[in-house]
C-alpha cells in the first residue's frame, strides 16, 4: 500500500511505505506522471545525512542484493548509472536518514526507495518536505547487521548506500569466553582476542610469583573480563572515572589495552595488581584490610605506582598524609598520591619484616602489634623517617 498525506497548506507530504509499497513496481502501484515532464528532470540526490557521493558504479545494477524481480523493473535508464555513497559503519540502531536533493522534490519524482537487509525489505515511512526526504517509522535496526538504502528517481538516476549497524553486545560490554589457562578464564570482545596468548602467559608467570611472595596457594580460576571501552568498563564495574581496572569476588574487570593506550608491560602490571587483590581476599575473607595495606600490597606485587620521581613528589608535599587520612580520603587518592604512598609503605614493611610477616599481616591485620612488635603509630613514624631519607634527603 502507498498512501500520500498532504497538509492543508500543501507544505508537507508524507509517504507511508509498507512492504507492498516497497515492491510497488512489481504490484503496478505506480503513481501517474507525465513522462515528458519527468524523463527530462535534472533532479539528483546531493547527499545523505551530509555524506556526499563516493563513486559511480556502471553495469552493477543487476548485482544489487535484493529481490531480482524488483530490480528488473527498477533499473536506471541505459545511459544512467547507479551512484554509490561511501559505506557507513557502526550506525546507531535508531538512525534517521535525511536524503537531500538538488531542488524541491515532488512525490511523483521518486520511482522507488527501499531499505533492505539480507534481501529482505524493511517497512517504514518517509516524510517529504522541500528538498529533503526523511526516514521515520522504521523499526529499530538489528545490531551488527548490514543494510542497504536504495533510491531510484523517475528520471533514471539511481543511488545506493550500504551501512552496518552498531555491535550492541560489545557496546554494552557483553563479553564472550575466549580462552583459559590453569588459573584464569578470559572474557573479551573480538577487539582484544589477539593479545590473549601473550597476556595469559605473562599473568600466569606473575601469579606464580605473587603466590610465592605471599606464602599462599589460591584455589580455582580467576575470571578476567576485558571491556572494549571506558564506558562499558565503568558501567560493568561501577568504579570511579579514573579507574582502569578493579577486582572483586575472584573476578578482574579491566579496560581494554587499546583504550588505555599504555605499553603492554604496564597493562600486564595493572592486571597483576588486580589479581593480587583477589589473592589478598583469599587470605582475608572478611576484607578487613585498610586501604593503604590492601592497595599497597597490590601495587608492590603488581609493580604499579612505583615511579621514584612520582613518589618523591608526594613525599615532598607538606604534610605527608597519615594512615588515617589515607583511609578516610580514598576518593581523593589520585591527588593525594595514595597509591604511590601505599606502595612505599608496603615496600618499607617488606624490607623491614619480610614476606612471611606480610602474609601474617594480610591474614590477621588486627594483630599488627603482635606481628611487628610495635604499634601502628610507631610503624608510621619509622616509615615516614625512612621515606624522607630515601626520597628527600
Protein backbone atom coordinates (compact mmCIF):
# COMPACT_ATOMS: atom_id res chain seq x y z
CA UNK A 1 0.00 0.00 0.00
CA UNK A 2 1.22 3.51 -0.75
CA UNK A 3 -0.56 6.48 0.72
CA UNK A 4 0.21 10.15 0.34
CA UNK A 5 -0.94 12.56 3.02
CA UNK A 6 -0.86 16.27 2.27
CA UNK A 7 -1.36 19.07 4.78
CA UNK A 8 -3.95 21.79 4.18
CA UNK A 9 -1.26 24.29 3.23
CA UNK A 10 0.41 21.78 0.94
CA UNK A 11 3.75 22.13 2.68
CA UNK A 12 4.45 18.60 3.93
CA UNK A 13 3.77 15.41 2.02
CA UNK A 14 4.13 12.11 3.82
CA UNK A 15 4.90 8.86 2.05
CA UNK A 16 3.84 5.90 4.17
CA UNK A 17 5.86 2.95 2.93
CA UNK A 18 4.86 -0.60 3.82
CA UNK A 19 6.09 -3.88 2.41
CA UNK A 20 3.74 -3.73 -0.59
CA UNK A 21 4.74 -0.13 -1.15
CA UNK A 22 8.41 -1.03 -1.33
CA UNK A 23 7.68 -3.54 -4.06
CA UNK A 24 5.26 -1.19 -5.77
CA UNK A 25 6.89 -1.77 -9.17
CA UNK A 26 6.00 -5.47 -9.09
CA UNK A 27 2.45 -4.74 -7.97
CA UNK A 28 1.91 -1.99 -10.51
CA UNK A 29 1.13 0.66 -7.89
CA UNK A 30 2.89 3.42 -9.77
CA UNK A 31 1.62 6.96 -9.38
CA UNK A 32 0.68 8.66 -12.62
CA UNK A 33 3.24 11.02 -14.04
CA UNK A 34 3.83 12.86 -17.26
CA UNK A 35 6.75 11.19 -18.98
CA UNK A 36 7.77 14.34 -20.80
CA UNK A 37 7.98 16.21 -17.54
CA UNK A 38 9.87 13.59 -15.56
CA UNK A 39 12.28 11.97 -18.02
CA UNK A 40 13.98 15.28 -18.64
CA UNK A 41 14.15 16.24 -14.97
CA UNK A 42 17.58 17.20 -13.69
CA UNK A 43 16.74 16.17 -10.11
CA UNK A 44 19.63 14.50 -8.26
CA UNK A 45 20.42 13.25 -4.77
CA UNK A 46 23.04 15.61 -3.36
CA UNK A 47 23.77 13.99 0.00
CA UNK A 48 22.54 11.53 2.61
CA UNK A 49 22.95 12.77 6.18
CA UNK A 50 25.52 15.21 4.85
CA UNK A 51 27.51 12.43 3.15
CA UNK A 52 28.36 13.26 -0.46
CA UNK A 53 28.62 10.82 -3.34
CA UNK A 54 31.53 8.42 -3.42
CA UNK A 55 31.84 6.83 -6.86
CA UNK A 56 29.81 5.97 -9.94
CA UNK A 57 29.32 2.25 -10.50
CA UNK A 58 28.28 1.27 -14.04
CA UNK A 59 26.94 -2.09 -15.04
CA UNK A 60 26.43 -3.36 -11.49
CA UNK A 61 22.77 -2.61 -11.01
CA UNK A 62 21.75 -6.22 -11.68
CA UNK A 63 24.05 -7.40 -8.87
CA UNK A 64 22.44 -5.29 -6.18
CA UNK A 65 21.49 -7.68 -3.32
CA UNK A 66 17.72 -7.55 -3.26
CA UNK A 67 14.83 -9.28 -4.98
CA UNK A 68 15.75 -9.77 -8.62
CA UNK A 69 12.19 -9.26 -9.83
CA UNK A 70 12.11 -5.80 -8.32
CA UNK A 71 15.39 -4.70 -9.78
CA UNK A 72 14.46 -5.96 -13.24
CA UNK A 73 11.86 -3.22 -13.17
CA UNK A 74 13.89 -0.75 -11.10
CA UNK A 75 16.82 -0.23 -13.43
CA UNK A 76 18.06 3.22 -14.33
CA UNK A 77 17.95 4.25 -17.98
CA UNK A 78 20.62 2.73 -20.23
CA UNK A 79 22.61 5.95 -20.30
CA UNK A 80 22.44 6.31 -16.50
CA UNK A 81 24.48 4.68 -13.76
CA UNK A 82 23.98 3.70 -10.15
CA UNK A 83 25.90 6.08 -7.95
CA UNK A 84 27.13 4.96 -4.54
CA UNK A 85 27.58 6.87 -1.32
CA UNK A 86 30.51 5.88 0.95
CA UNK A 87 29.78 2.93 3.25
CA UNK A 88 28.86 3.92 6.80
CA UNK A 89 29.96 1.90 9.82
CA UNK A 90 28.71 1.32 13.39
CA UNK A 91 25.47 3.13 12.67
CA UNK A 92 23.16 3.65 15.65
CA UNK A 93 20.21 1.26 15.82
CA UNK A 94 17.70 4.13 15.69
CA UNK A 95 19.47 6.09 12.95
CA UNK A 96 17.35 8.53 10.95
CA UNK A 97 18.23 9.14 7.29
CA UNK A 98 17.90 12.52 5.59
CA UNK A 99 18.18 12.50 1.81
CA UNK A 100 18.91 15.91 0.30
CA UNK A 101 18.03 16.65 -3.33
CA UNK A 102 19.29 19.28 -5.78
CA UNK A 103 15.93 21.04 -5.80
CA UNK A 104 12.46 20.75 -4.33
CA UNK A 105 11.18 17.23 -4.84
CA UNK A 106 7.66 16.08 -5.61
CA UNK A 107 6.28 12.71 -4.70
CA UNK A 108 5.84 11.60 -8.29
CA UNK A 109 9.55 12.10 -8.99
CA UNK A 110 10.50 9.20 -6.69
CA UNK A 111 10.06 5.94 -8.57
CA UNK A 112 11.48 3.63 -5.93
CA UNK A 113 13.00 3.81 -2.45
CA UNK A 114 13.86 0.88 -0.19
CA UNK A 115 15.80 -0.21 2.88
CA UNK A 116 16.86 -3.85 2.78
CA UNK A 117 18.72 -6.34 4.98
CA UNK A 118 19.76 -9.72 3.60
CA UNK A 119 17.47 -9.15 0.61
CA UNK A 120 14.53 -8.56 2.95
CA UNK A 121 12.60 -5.33 2.62
CA UNK A 122 12.30 -3.25 5.79
CA UNK A 123 8.96 -1.42 6.22
CA UNK A 124 8.92 2.19 7.29
CA UNK A 125 7.86 5.72 6.45
CA UNK A 126 9.34 8.72 4.66
CA UNK A 127 8.42 12.36 5.10
CA UNK A 128 8.97 14.67 2.15
CA UNK A 129 9.47 18.40 2.70
CA UNK A 130 11.07 20.77 0.24
CA UNK A 131 14.43 19.34 -0.87
CA UNK A 132 14.57 16.72 1.91
CA UNK A 133 13.25 13.17 2.27
CA UNK A 134 13.47 11.92 5.88
CA UNK A 135 13.02 8.39 7.21
CA UNK A 136 10.58 7.81 10.03
CA UNK A 137 8.64 4.91 11.48
CA UNK A 138 11.27 2.28 10.80
CA UNK A 139 11.68 -0.34 13.48
CA UNK A 140 14.95 -0.37 15.41
CA UNK A 141 17.67 -1.88 13.23
CA UNK A 142 19.20 -5.22 14.16
CA UNK A 143 22.62 -4.97 15.76
CA UNK A 144 25.79 -5.97 13.91
CA UNK A 145 23.98 -6.20 10.54
CA UNK A 146 24.42 -4.84 7.03
CA UNK A 147 21.68 -2.73 5.43
CA UNK A 148 21.27 -1.06 2.06
CA UNK A 149 19.41 2.13 1.23
CA UNK A 150 18.36 2.41 -2.44
CA UNK A 151 16.80 5.38 -4.24
CA UNK A 152 15.64 5.41 -7.89
CA UNK A 153 14.25 8.59 -9.37
CA UNK A 154 11.82 8.56 -12.25
CA UNK A 155 14.34 10.44 -14.41
CA UNK A 156 16.54 7.33 -14.23
CA UNK A 157 19.07 8.48 -11.62
CA UNK A 158 19.80 5.68 -9.14
CA UNK A 159 21.66 5.82 -5.81
CA UNK A 160 22.54 3.46 -3.00
CA UNK A 161 24.34 3.40 0.35
CA UNK A 162 25.47 0.45 2.47
CA UNK A 163 25.73 0.71 6.24
CA UNK A 164 26.48 -1.69 9.06
CA UNK A 165 24.95 -1.27 12.49
CA UNK A 166 26.47 -0.88 15.90
CA UNK A 167 27.53 -4.07 17.70
CA UNK A 168 25.09 -3.69 20.58
CA UNK A 169 26.52 -6.56 22.61
CA UNK A 170 30.03 -5.13 22.52
CA UNK A 171 28.72 -1.64 23.28
CA UNK A 172 27.02 -2.94 26.40
CA UNK A 173 30.16 -4.79 27.45
CA UNK A 174 28.67 -8.25 26.96
CA UNK A 175 31.79 -10.36 26.69
CA UNK A 176 32.43 -13.84 25.33
CA UNK A 177 34.62 -16.59 26.75
CA UNK A 178 37.81 -16.77 24.71
CA UNK A 179 40.39 -18.99 26.43
CA UNK A 180 41.52 -20.45 29.74
CA UNK A 181 44.80 -21.22 31.49
CA UNK A 182 45.39 -23.16 34.72
CA UNK A 183 44.48 -20.11 36.83
CA UNK A 184 42.46 -17.79 34.56
CA UNK A 185 39.33 -17.64 32.41
CA UNK A 186 39.44 -14.85 29.83
CA UNK A 187 36.37 -12.98 28.58
CA UNK A 188 36.72 -10.24 25.97
CA UNK A 189 35.16 -8.77 22.86
CA UNK A 190 36.70 -9.52 19.48
CA UNK A 191 39.00 -6.50 19.54
CA UNK A 192 41.18 -7.86 22.38
CA UNK A 193 41.46 -11.51 21.36
CA UNK A 194 44.83 -11.08 19.67
CA UNK A 195 46.66 -10.12 22.89
CA UNK A 196 45.34 -13.01 24.98
CA UNK A 197 48.05 -15.65 24.40
CA UNK A 198 50.86 -13.30 25.41
CA UNK A 199 48.80 -11.74 28.18
CA UNK A 200 47.83 -15.11 29.63
CA UNK A 201 51.46 -16.28 29.72
CA UNK A 202 52.58 -13.09 31.48
CA UNK A 203 49.78 -13.25 34.05
CA UNK A 204 50.45 -16.90 34.86
CA UNK A 205 54.12 -16.05 35.46
CA UNK A 206 53.28 -13.10 37.68
CA UNK A 207 50.60 -15.01 39.54
CA UNK A 208 53.10 -17.71 40.47
CA UNK A 209 55.43 -15.04 41.85
CA UNK A 210 52.65 -13.35 43.84
CA UNK A 211 51.64 -16.64 45.45
CA UNK A 212 55.23 -17.39 46.35
CA UNK A 213 55.75 -13.92 47.83
CA UNK A 214 52.56 -14.05 49.86
CA UNK A 215 53.10 -17.65 51.02
CA UNK A 216 49.80 -18.95 49.70
CA UNK A 217 48.19 -21.16 47.06
CA UNK A 218 44.90 -19.80 45.73
CA UNK A 219 42.41 -22.40 44.54
CA UNK A 220 40.30 -22.16 41.41
CA UNK A 221 40.49 -19.89 38.39
CA UNK A 222 40.13 -16.14 38.38
CA UNK A 223 37.84 -14.62 35.75
CA UNK A 224 39.49 -11.87 33.65
CA UNK A 225 36.98 -9.55 31.94
CA UNK A 226 38.38 -7.04 29.44
CA UNK A 227 35.89 -4.42 28.28
CA UNK A 228 36.19 -2.68 24.90
CA UNK A 229 35.97 0.93 26.11
CA UNK A 230 35.81 3.13 29.19
CA UNK A 231 32.03 3.46 29.08
CA UNK A 232 31.35 -0.28 29.11
CA UNK A 233 34.00 -0.88 31.77
CA UNK A 234 32.61 1.77 34.14
CA UNK A 235 29.07 0.53 33.56
CA UNK A 236 30.06 -3.03 34.45
CA UNK A 237 32.31 -2.18 37.38
CA UNK A 238 30.57 0.90 38.88
CA UNK A 239 34.04 2.31 39.54
CA UNK A 240 35.25 5.91 39.57
CA UNK A 241 36.02 7.65 36.30
CA UNK A 242 39.78 7.45 36.82
CA UNK A 243 39.76 3.68 37.32
CA UNK A 244 41.46 1.44 34.73
CA UNK A 245 40.76 -1.94 36.37
CA UNK A 246 39.31 -3.46 39.53
CA UNK A 247 38.89 -6.79 41.31
CA UNK A 248 36.11 -8.35 43.33
CA UNK A 249 34.94 -11.84 44.17
CA UNK A 250 37.69 -13.60 42.24
CA UNK A 251 36.98 -11.55 39.10
CA UNK A 252 39.20 -8.92 37.49
CA UNK A 253 37.46 -6.29 35.35
CA UNK A 254 39.65 -4.12 33.14
CA UNK A 255 39.54 -1.56 30.40
CA UNK A 256 40.98 -2.54 27.03
CA UNK A 257 44.66 -2.04 26.31
CA UNK A 258 43.55 -0.23 23.15
CA UNK A 259 41.55 2.23 25.22
CA UNK A 260 44.21 2.80 27.88
CA UNK A 261 46.93 3.16 25.21
CA UNK A 262 49.69 2.17 27.62
CA UNK A 263 52.55 -0.24 27.00
CA UNK A 264 51.88 -3.97 27.12
CA UNK A 265 54.12 -4.34 30.20
CA UNK A 266 52.21 -1.59 32.01
CA UNK A 267 48.94 -3.33 31.14
CA UNK A 268 50.24 -6.65 32.49
CA UNK A 269 51.29 -4.93 35.71
CA UNK A 270 47.86 -3.32 36.04
CA UNK A 271 46.12 -6.70 35.77
CA UNK A 272 48.67 -8.28 38.13
CA UNK A 273 47.80 -5.55 40.63
CA UNK A 274 44.15 -6.61 40.46
CA UNK A 275 44.96 -10.33 40.58
CA UNK A 276 46.89 -9.62 43.78
CA UNK A 277 43.75 -8.13 45.30
CA UNK A 278 41.99 -11.45 44.77
CA UNK A 279 44.89 -13.26 46.42
CA UNK A 280 44.65 -10.89 49.38
CA UNK A 281 40.93 -11.58 49.60
CA UNK A 282 41.61 -15.31 49.71
CA UNK A 283 43.85 -14.70 52.76
CA UNK A 284 41.44 -12.31 54.45
CA UNK A 285 37.89 -13.27 53.58
CA UNK A 286 36.49 -10.64 55.94
CA UNK A 287 38.18 -7.88 53.88
CA UNK A 288 39.26 -6.02 56.99
CA UNK A 289 42.41 -4.54 55.46
CA UNK A 290 42.86 -0.76 55.43
CA UNK A 291 43.17 0.83 52.01
CA UNK A 292 46.87 1.58 52.39
CA UNK A 293 47.66 -2.09 53.02
CA UNK A 294 45.21 -3.52 50.50
CA UNK A 295 46.36 -1.23 47.70
CA UNK A 296 49.96 -1.13 48.85
CA UNK A 297 50.38 -4.90 48.53
CA UNK A 298 48.73 -4.85 45.10
CA UNK A 299 50.98 -2.00 43.94
CA UNK A 300 54.08 -3.70 45.34
CA UNK A 301 53.34 -7.08 43.78
CA UNK A 302 51.97 -5.60 40.56
CA UNK A 303 54.89 -3.19 40.25
CA UNK A 304 52.49 -0.31 39.70
CA UNK A 305 52.63 3.25 41.06
CA UNK A 306 56.31 2.72 41.86
CA UNK A 307 57.94 5.51 39.88
CA UNK A 308 60.67 7.04 42.05
CA UNK A 309 60.16 10.64 40.87
CA UNK A 310 56.40 10.44 41.38
CA UNK A 311 56.72 9.02 44.89
CA UNK A 312 59.31 11.65 45.72
CA UNK A 313 56.93 14.40 44.63
CA UNK A 314 54.22 13.19 47.01
CA UNK A 315 56.71 12.66 49.86
CA UNK A 316 57.94 16.23 49.49
CA UNK A 317 54.46 17.67 49.77
CA UNK A 318 53.75 19.06 53.23
CA UNK A 319 52.48 17.35 55.20
CA UNK A 320 52.54 13.73 54.02
CA UNK A 321 49.07 12.21 54.66
CA UNK A 322 48.82 9.97 57.72
CA UNK A 323 47.47 6.43 57.53
CA UNK A 324 44.15 7.67 58.90
CA UNK A 325 43.99 10.45 56.31
CA UNK A 326 44.65 7.98 53.53
CA UNK A 327 41.91 5.74 54.88
CA UNK A 328 39.28 8.48 55.16
CA UNK A 329 40.05 10.18 51.83
CA UNK A 330 40.13 7.23 49.47
CA UNK A 331 38.11 9.14 46.85
CA UNK A 332 40.93 11.71 46.68
CA UNK A 333 43.76 9.23 46.27
CA UNK A 334 44.81 10.39 42.79
CA UNK A 335 45.55 13.89 44.11
CA UNK A 336 46.97 12.72 47.46
CA UNK A 337 49.29 10.16 45.91
CA UNK A 338 47.51 7.40 47.82
CA UNK A 339 48.69 4.57 45.58
CA UNK A 340 52.29 5.75 45.47
CA UNK A 341 52.49 6.32 49.23
CA UNK A 342 50.86 2.93 49.88
CA UNK A 343 53.45 1.29 47.65
CA UNK A 344 56.18 2.90 49.72
CA UNK A 345 54.55 1.70 52.97
CA UNK A 346 54.48 -1.92 51.89
CA UNK A 347 57.94 -1.69 50.34
CA UNK A 348 59.28 -0.48 53.69
CA UNK A 349 57.30 -3.16 55.57
CA UNK A 350 58.72 -5.99 53.42
CA UNK A 351 62.25 -4.63 53.71
CA UNK A 352 61.85 -4.45 57.49
CA UNK A 353 59.84 -7.58 58.33
CA UNK A 354 59.91 -9.83 55.24
CA UNK A 355 57.24 -11.61 53.23
CA UNK A 356 56.31 -14.13 55.90
CA UNK A 357 55.15 -11.36 58.22
CA UNK A 358 53.40 -9.67 55.28
CA UNK A 359 51.40 -12.87 54.86
CA UNK A 360 50.62 -12.79 58.58
CA UNK A 361 49.53 -9.15 58.45
CA UNK A 362 47.21 -9.68 55.50
CA UNK A 363 45.69 -12.72 57.19
CA UNK A 364 45.11 -11.00 60.54
CA UNK A 365 45.58 -7.25 60.41
CA UNK A 366 44.09 -6.80 63.90
CA UNK A 367 47.25 -8.43 65.29
CA UNK A 368 49.54 -5.74 63.89
CA UNK A 369 51.38 -5.16 67.17
CA UNK A 370 51.83 -8.87 67.83
CA UNK A 371 53.20 -9.43 64.33
CA UNK A 372 55.57 -6.47 64.17
CA UNK A 373 56.38 -5.91 67.83
CA UNK A 374 55.46 -2.21 67.61
CA UNK A 375 52.26 -0.19 67.42
CA UNK A 376 50.79 1.10 64.16
CA UNK A 377 51.67 4.66 65.23
CA UNK A 378 55.30 3.68 65.80
CA UNK A 379 55.44 1.94 62.44
CA UNK A 380 54.00 5.02 60.76
CA UNK A 381 56.68 7.22 62.35
CA UNK A 382 59.55 4.94 61.29
CA UNK A 383 58.10 4.67 57.74
CA UNK A 384 57.91 8.46 57.50
CA UNK A 385 61.55 8.78 58.54
CA UNK A 386 62.57 6.13 56.02
CA UNK A 387 60.82 7.74 53.04
CA UNK A 388 62.13 11.18 53.98
CA UNK A 389 65.64 9.74 53.94
CA UNK A 390 65.09 7.88 50.66
CA UNK A 391 63.12 10.42 48.65
CA UNK A 392 64.01 13.82 50.09
CA UNK A 393 67.49 13.91 51.60
